[in-house]
Amino acid sequence: MSAEEDGGSLFVLTAVLLTPTQFPTAFGDDFPQACALLGVSPVADGYGLVLGQDAEGARWTVVVDDVSLVATAIASWDCGMEYELSPDESTIVLSLAGWPLDLTVAAPGIPEPHDPEQGADGTGRVPLAPPSAESWGPVQRRLGADQIAREWADWRERVATDGGAAAAAHPGLARALREATGYAVQAPPAGRVRSAFAGEGVRTFRADGPGWSLVARTDDAAFVLLDEEPGEVLTVPRAGAAELPGLTELLAALDRAATRPS
């Protein structure tokens, strides 16, 4: 796979979508925040991010506005099919040094992956880099919720076995649930709440807010992770209380607030 980047050849390693309904949550709580990280405007159609190396082995992230091309490539790769992702130069919005996500692959026949010098992309900014796994913070909290959503059955069993962290009247949990249900009344920025297919008649909700992340399934349960509780998974109680919305109310609110494909 190859593409043209600033007049040179880019050996494409992977690609990801940056749209209101699908973006790397490591980038932010919502779509506008994710766009701000890369320095692009949060346009409705979003972008595709093409990650690769130049002939010298330097890491580059190329932002393109041909979302359908990138989506087709990703779908093909997911099915085990080959697809030559070669965005037209006219679709390139921005080329940024570095990779914002961790990749364990490299283009064959060129030097090992490395960051170009700061400012090589013309922005003067430090090259993009994946988030650290050494500390707990907003990025790790969002990634933790993503992992629960991906590996629901395993995490559901683990929480059931461990009993989960105590949730009743937890102030951080109460605040997160109030803010999440409030999204149905006052619409949050695009991407704060996302809905995804999880089986026939079942959907998974992912929501984020200041200091909290939530993952829920319409046929099962809901869990919350908090900045103030490193690594802990709090279970949302089924029955609500005066200060704590219940699961039914929460799911209804998330369904109304979720960003959906246009």
Protein backbone atom coordinates (compact mmCIF):
# COMPACT_ATOMS: atom_id res chain seq x y z
CA MET A 1 0.00 0.00 0.00
CA SER A 2 1.36 3.38 -0.83
CA ALA A 3 0.30 6.97 -1.13
CA GLU A 4 1.87 10.28 -2.03
CA GLU A 5 2.73 12.48 0.93
CA ASP A 6 4.33 15.89 0.40
CA GLY A 7 5.72 14.74 -2.91
CA GLY A 8 7.24 11.58 -1.46
CA SER A 9 6.08 8.03 -1.20
CA LEU A 10 4.22 6.89 1.92
CA PHE A 11 4.10 3.18 2.72
CA VAL A 12 0.68 2.74 4.31
CA LEU A 13 0.50 0.46 7.35
CA THR A 14 -3.03 1.04 8.58
CA ALA A 15 -5.87 3.54 8.63
CA VAL A 16 -8.59 4.61 11.05
CA LEU A 17 -11.74 6.69 10.80
CA LEU A 18 -12.26 10.04 12.49
CA THR A 19 -16.00 10.71 12.25
CA PRO A 20 -18.71 11.79 14.72
CA THR A 21 -19.77 8.14 15.16
CA GLN A 22 -16.36 6.45 15.07
CA PHE A 23 -13.06 7.85 16.29
CA PRO A 24 -10.20 6.71 18.52
CA THR A 25 -11.35 7.64 22.02
CA ALA A 26 -7.71 8.08 22.99
CA PHE A 27 -8.07 11.39 21.13
CA GLY A 28 -10.77 12.86 23.37
CA ASP A 29 -14.21 12.62 24.95
CA ASP A 30 -15.96 13.60 21.73
CA PHE A 31 -15.49 14.22 18.01
CA PRO A 32 -14.61 17.95 18.29
CA GLN A 33 -11.95 17.17 20.90
CA ALA A 34 -10.52 14.42 18.69
CA CYS A 35 -10.32 16.83 15.76
CA ALA A 36 -8.70 19.49 17.92
CA LEU A 37 -5.93 17.05 18.85
CA LEU A 38 -4.97 16.84 15.18
CA GLY A 39 -5.66 20.48 14.37
CA VAL A 40 -8.53 19.95 11.94
CA SER A 41 -12.08 21.32 11.90
CA PRO A 42 -14.89 18.99 13.11
CA VAL A 43 -16.67 18.77 9.75
CA ALA A 44 -19.80 16.60 9.61
CA ASP A 45 -18.36 13.99 7.23
CA GLY A 46 -15.18 13.58 9.25
CA TYR A 47 -11.84 12.30 8.00
CA GLY A 48 -9.74 9.23 7.37
CA LEU A 49 -6.34 8.89 9.02
CA VAL A 50 -3.68 7.06 7.05
CA LEU A 51 -0.67 5.92 9.08
CA GLY A 52 2.54 4.97 7.34
CA GLN A 53 6.26 5.51 6.82
CA ASP A 54 8.19 7.44 4.24
CA ALA A 55 11.19 6.04 2.36
CA GLU A 56 13.46 6.97 5.27
CA GLY A 57 11.29 5.08 7.75
CA ALA A 58 9.82 8.20 9.39
CA ARG A 59 6.34 7.92 10.88
CA TRP A 60 3.59 10.02 9.33
CA THR A 61 -0.14 10.45 9.86
CA VAL A 62 -1.95 11.75 6.80
CA VAL A 63 -5.43 13.22 7.27
CA VAL A 64 -7.64 12.84 4.20
CA ASP A 65 -11.21 13.91 3.52
CA ASP A 66 -12.05 10.89 1.34
CA VAL A 67 -13.77 9.05 4.19
CA SER A 68 -15.47 6.48 1.97
CA LEU A 69 -12.11 5.38 0.50
CA VAL A 70 -10.61 4.82 3.94
CA ALA A 71 -13.77 3.08 5.19
CA THR A 72 -13.67 0.72 2.20
CA ALA A 73 -10.02 -0.10 2.85
CA ILE A 74 -10.65 -0.82 6.54
CA ALA A 75 -13.66 -3.03 5.73
CA SER A 76 -11.61 -4.96 3.17
CA TRP A 77 -8.70 -5.52 5.54
CA ASP A 78 -11.08 -6.63 8.29
CA CYS A 79 -12.37 -9.30 5.89
CA GLY A 80 -8.85 -10.48 5.13
CA MET A 81 -8.86 -8.97 1.63
CA GLU A 82 -6.11 -6.94 0.04
CA TYR A 83 -6.85 -3.31 -0.73
CA GLU A 84 -4.49 -0.73 -2.19
CA LEU A 85 -5.14 2.41 -0.16
CA SER A 86 -3.77 5.25 -2.27
CA PRO A 87 -5.56 8.51 -1.48
CA ASP A 88 -5.42 11.14 -4.19
CA GLU A 89 -3.16 14.05 -3.33
CA SER A 90 -6.14 16.40 -3.66
CA THR A 91 -7.84 14.67 -0.71
CA ILE A 92 -4.97 15.30 1.72
CA VAL A 93 -5.98 17.81 4.38
CA LEU A 94 -2.89 17.66 6.55
CA SER A 95 0.26 15.58 7.05
CA LEU A 96 1.45 15.25 10.63
CA ALA A 97 4.70 13.80 11.94
CA GLY A 98 4.39 10.75 14.18
CA TRP A 99 1.62 8.28 14.93
CA PRO A 100 -1.11 8.96 17.51
CA LEU A 101 -1.70 5.22 17.99
CA ASP A 102 0.65 2.39 18.86
CA LEU A 103 1.58 0.20 15.87
CA THR A 104 3.65 -2.96 16.10
CA VAL A 105 4.19 -3.31 12.36
CA ALA A 106 6.61 -1.61 9.99
CA ALA A 107 6.98 -1.31 6.24
CA PRO A 108 9.41 -3.93 4.89
CA GLY A 109 12.65 -2.92 3.24
CA ILE A 110 12.97 0.53 4.79
CA PRO A 111 14.60 1.79 8.01
CA GLU A 112 12.98 1.12 11.38
CA PRO A 113 10.07 3.42 12.35
CA HIS A 114 11.20 6.69 13.88
CA ASP A 115 9.81 10.19 14.26
CA PRO A 116 10.98 12.90 11.88
CA GLU A 117 12.48 15.99 13.44
CA GLN A 118 10.13 18.34 15.21
CA GLY A 119 8.70 20.78 12.69
CA ALA A 120 9.28 18.49 9.72
CA ASP A 121 5.55 18.59 8.98
CA GLY A 122 5.51 22.39 8.92
CA THR A 123 3.41 22.72 12.08
CA GLY A 124 6.26 23.16 14.56
CA ARG A 125 4.56 20.74 16.93
CA VAL A 126 6.06 17.71 18.63
CA PRO A 127 5.41 14.54 16.59
CA LEU A 128 2.27 12.64 17.48
CA ALA A 129 2.76 9.75 19.90
CA PRO A 130 0.51 7.05 21.37
CA PRO A 131 -0.72 7.55 24.95
CA SER A 132 1.36 6.18 27.79
CA ALA A 133 0.19 3.02 29.51
CA GLU A 134 2.20 3.80 32.65
CA SER A 135 -0.32 6.07 34.37
CA TRP A 136 -4.06 6.38 34.90
CA GLY A 137 -5.88 9.38 33.46
CA PRO A 138 -8.62 10.38 31.01
CA VAL A 139 -7.04 8.54 28.07
CA GLN A 140 -6.52 5.30 29.96
CA ARG A 141 -10.03 5.57 31.44
CA ARG A 142 -11.58 5.88 27.97
CA LEU A 143 -9.45 3.04 26.62
CA GLY A 144 -10.54 0.90 29.54
CA ALA A 145 -14.20 1.47 28.67
CA ASP A 146 -13.43 0.61 25.04
CA GLN A 147 -11.88 -2.67 26.15
CA ILE A 148 -14.96 -3.56 28.19
CA ALA A 149 -17.17 -2.85 25.18
CA ARG A 150 -14.99 -5.05 22.91
CA GLU A 151 -14.66 -7.91 25.38
CA TRP A 152 -18.07 -7.66 27.00
CA ALA A 153 -18.56 -11.34 27.86
CA ASP A 154 -15.16 -11.66 29.55
CA TRP A 155 -15.55 -8.46 31.52
CA ARG A 156 -19.14 -9.23 32.46
CA GLU A 157 -18.04 -12.55 33.93
CA ARG A 158 -15.10 -10.96 35.71
CA VAL A 159 -17.26 -8.29 37.30
CA ALA A 160 -19.89 -10.85 38.28
CA THR A 161 -17.20 -13.02 39.89
CA ASP A 162 -15.47 -10.17 41.70
CA GLY A 163 -18.72 -8.48 42.62
CA GLY A 164 -17.55 -5.21 41.08
CA ALA A 165 -16.60 -2.12 43.02
CA ALA A 166 -19.15 -0.83 45.50
CA ALA A 167 -21.48 1.48 43.60
CA ALA A 168 -24.33 2.49 45.93
CA ALA A 169 -24.24 6.28 46.61
CA HIS A 170 -20.69 6.60 45.20
CA PRO A 171 -20.40 10.37 44.56
CA GLY A 172 -18.39 10.02 41.35
CA LEU A 173 -20.80 7.45 39.96
CA ALA A 174 -23.80 9.58 40.88
CA ARG A 175 -22.27 12.58 39.11
CA ALA A 176 -21.46 10.53 35.99
CA LEU A 177 -24.98 9.13 35.78
CA ARG A 178 -26.58 12.53 36.27
CA GLU A 179 -24.46 14.00 33.49
CA ALA A 180 -25.07 11.02 31.19
CA THR A 181 -28.85 11.16 31.61
CA GLY A 182 -28.67 14.94 31.21
CA TYR A 183 -27.32 14.47 27.68
CA ALA A 184 -30.88 13.55 26.63
CA VAL A 185 -32.05 17.02 27.72
CA GLN A 186 -29.10 19.13 26.58
CA ALA A 187 -27.40 17.60 23.56
CA PRO A 188 -23.67 17.02 24.13
CA PRO A 189 -20.96 17.58 21.49
CA ALA A 190 -21.06 15.05 18.65
CA GLY A 191 -19.59 11.70 19.64
CA ARG A 192 -19.99 12.04 23.41
CA VAL A 193 -22.51 9.19 23.21
CA ARG A 194 -22.17 6.52 20.53
CA SER A 195 -24.35 3.53 19.73
CA ALA A 196 -23.08 0.35 18.08
CA PHE A 197 -24.65 -2.94 16.96
CA ALA A 198 -23.97 -5.75 19.45
CA GLY A 199 -26.27 -8.52 18.22
CA GLU A 200 -29.85 -8.93 17.10
CA GLY A 201 -31.92 -6.35 18.92
CA VAL A 202 -28.97 -5.39 21.12
CA ARG A 203 -26.81 -2.28 21.10
CA THR A 204 -23.78 -1.11 23.03
CA PHE A 205 -23.58 2.48 24.25
CA ARG A 206 -20.30 4.30 24.89
CA ALA A 207 -20.44 7.66 26.61
CA ASP A 208 -17.85 9.99 28.08
CA GLY A 209 -17.81 13.13 30.15
CA PRO A 210 -15.46 15.13 32.38
CA GLY A 211 -13.71 12.51 34.48
CA TRP A 212 -15.89 9.53 33.58
CA SER A 213 -16.54 6.91 30.90
CA LEU A 214 -19.53 4.59 30.59
CA VAL A 215 -20.25 1.43 28.64
CA ALA A 216 -23.66 -0.26 28.58
CA ARG A 217 -25.58 -2.92 26.70
CA THR A 218 -29.30 -2.68 26.18
CA ASP A 219 -29.82 -6.34 27.14
CA ASP A 220 -27.55 -6.45 30.16
CA ALA A 221 -25.76 -4.00 32.42
CA ALA A 222 -23.77 -0.77 32.53
CA PHE A 223 -20.37 0.06 33.99
CA VAL A 224 -18.59 3.33 34.78
CA LEU A 225 -14.89 4.13 35.05
CA LEU A 226 -13.73 7.26 36.85
CA ASP A 227 -10.54 9.31 36.82
CA GLU A 228 -10.59 9.27 40.62
CA GLU A 229 -10.81 5.46 40.82
CA PRO A 230 -7.78 4.09 38.89
CA GLY A 231 -8.58 0.76 37.29
CA GLU A 232 -11.91 0.32 39.11
CA VAL A 233 -15.11 -0.69 37.31
CA LEU A 234 -18.29 0.53 38.99
CA THR A 235 -21.55 -1.26 38.31
CA VAL A 236 -24.67 0.81 37.62
CA PRO A 237 -27.50 -0.43 39.86
CA ARG A 238 -30.70 -1.50 38.14
CA ALA A 239 -32.94 0.37 40.55
CA GLY A 240 -32.46 4.10 40.78
CA ALA A 241 -32.47 6.31 43.86
CA ALA A 242 -33.08 9.95 44.56
CA GLU A 243 -29.48 10.78 43.67
CA LEU A 244 -28.75 7.88 41.33
CA PRO A 245 -30.62 7.24 38.03
CA GLY A 246 -31.42 3.59 37.42
CA LEU A 247 -30.37 1.47 34.47
CA THR A 248 -33.66 1.78 32.56
CA GLU A 249 -33.65 5.55 32.77
CA LEU A 250 -29.98 5.67 31.82
CA LEU A 251 -30.37 3.48 28.72
CA ALA A 252 -33.35 5.51 27.52
CA ALA A 253 -31.36 8.73 27.89
CA LEU A 254 -28.33 7.33 26.08
CA ASP A 255 -30.52 6.12 23.23
CA ARG A 256 -31.94 9.61 22.75
CA ALA A 257 -28.53 11.29 22.97
CA ALA A 258 -26.45 8.90 20.83
CA THR A 259 -24.72 10.18 17.70
CA ARG A 260 -25.83 8.05 14.77
CA PRO A 261 -24.68 7.82 11.15
CA SER A 262 -26.48 10.35 8.94
